[in-house]
Protein backbone atom coordinates (compact mmCIF):
# COMPACT_ATOMS: atom_id res chain seq x y z
CA MET A 1 0.00 0.00 0.00
CA GLY A 2 1.28 3.49 -0.84
CA LEU A 3 1.74 6.60 1.21
CA HIS A 4 -1.12 9.05 1.63
CA ILE A 5 0.68 12.37 1.42
CA SER A 6 -0.86 15.50 2.89
CA ASP A 7 0.75 18.86 3.44
CA PHE A 8 0.22 22.01 5.40
CA LEU A 9 1.73 25.46 5.75
CA VAL A 10 3.31 26.70 8.95
CA HIS A 11 3.63 30.40 9.68
CA ILE A 12 6.63 31.13 11.89
CA HIS A 13 6.33 34.43 13.72
CA GLU A 14 9.97 34.69 14.74
CA ALA A 15 12.68 35.95 12.41
CA LEU A 16 15.09 33.06 11.92
CA SER A 17 18.61 33.33 10.58
CA PRO A 18 19.44 31.20 7.52
CA GLU A 19 21.24 28.76 9.83
CA GLU A 20 18.22 28.52 12.13
CA GLN A 21 15.97 27.95 9.12
CA CYS A 22 18.15 25.04 7.97
CA GLU A 23 18.22 23.59 11.49
CA LEU A 24 14.43 23.81 11.72
CA GLU A 25 13.97 22.16 8.31
CA ASP A 26 16.33 19.35 9.31
CA PHE A 27 14.54 18.90 12.64
CA VAL A 28 11.11 18.70 10.99
CA ARG A 29 12.33 16.32 8.27
CA SER A 30 13.68 13.99 10.96
CA GLN A 31 10.24 13.59 12.58
CA PRO A 32 8.32 10.34 12.13
CA CYS A 33 5.81 10.47 9.25
CA VAL A 34 7.33 13.63 7.68
CA VAL A 35 8.39 13.12 4.06
CA GLY A 36 9.51 16.69 3.33
CA ALA A 37 9.79 20.19 4.76
CA GLY A 38 11.06 23.44 3.29
CA MET A 39 11.10 27.13 4.03
CA SER A 40 9.71 29.45 1.38
CA PRO A 41 12.54 31.10 -0.55
CA LYS A 42 10.38 34.22 -1.01
CA ASP A 43 9.15 34.50 2.58
CA PRO A 44 11.14 32.69 5.28
CA HIS A 45 8.23 32.97 7.71
CA PHE A 46 6.48 30.13 5.85
CA MET A 47 7.39 26.45 5.82
CA THR A 48 5.57 23.72 3.91
CA VAL A 49 5.49 20.30 5.55
CA ALA A 50 4.50 17.10 3.71
CA TYR A 51 3.67 14.00 5.73
CA ASP A 52 2.11 10.55 5.52
CA SER A 53 -1.41 11.08 6.87
CA ASP A 54 -1.76 7.36 7.61
CA CYS A 55 1.12 7.69 10.04
CA GLY A 56 0.74 11.07 11.73
CA THR A 57 -1.23 14.31 11.95
CA ALA A 58 -0.51 17.91 11.11
CA HIS A 59 -1.31 18.88 14.71
CA GLY A 60 1.22 16.37 16.03
CA ILE A 61 3.91 17.67 13.70
CA LEU A 62 3.08 21.27 14.61
CA ALA A 63 3.55 20.40 18.28
CA ARG A 64 7.08 19.23 17.45
CA VAL A 65 7.77 22.44 15.45
CA ARG A 66 6.71 24.43 18.52
CA GLU A 67 9.44 22.69 20.50
CA ARG A 68 11.89 24.71 18.41
CA VAL A 69 9.92 27.89 17.63
CA THR A 70 7.15 28.91 19.99
CA GLY A 71 5.52 31.29 17.53
CA ALA A 72 4.31 28.79 14.94
CA GLU A 73 0.81 28.16 13.65
CA MET A 74 -0.86 26.22 10.86
CA ILE A 75 -2.42 28.12 8.01
CA GLY A 76 -5.28 26.90 5.88
CA LEU A 77 -6.72 24.15 8.08
């Protein structure tokens, strides 16, 4: 059976340095069920996260993001 990929957008309120952005992307990508994560090149306050919805939830992943940046919220759900 294949993956059921869903994605969501995270708005990050804090201004992150390029190094912090890379660290956050790496952290999110290392989470169970996440298949991809990337900061927007045009607006570094936005990160798209793709995940296997059979394995995890957007809310669960957001909780992990908030371990690194407290000012993070989902957009569009």
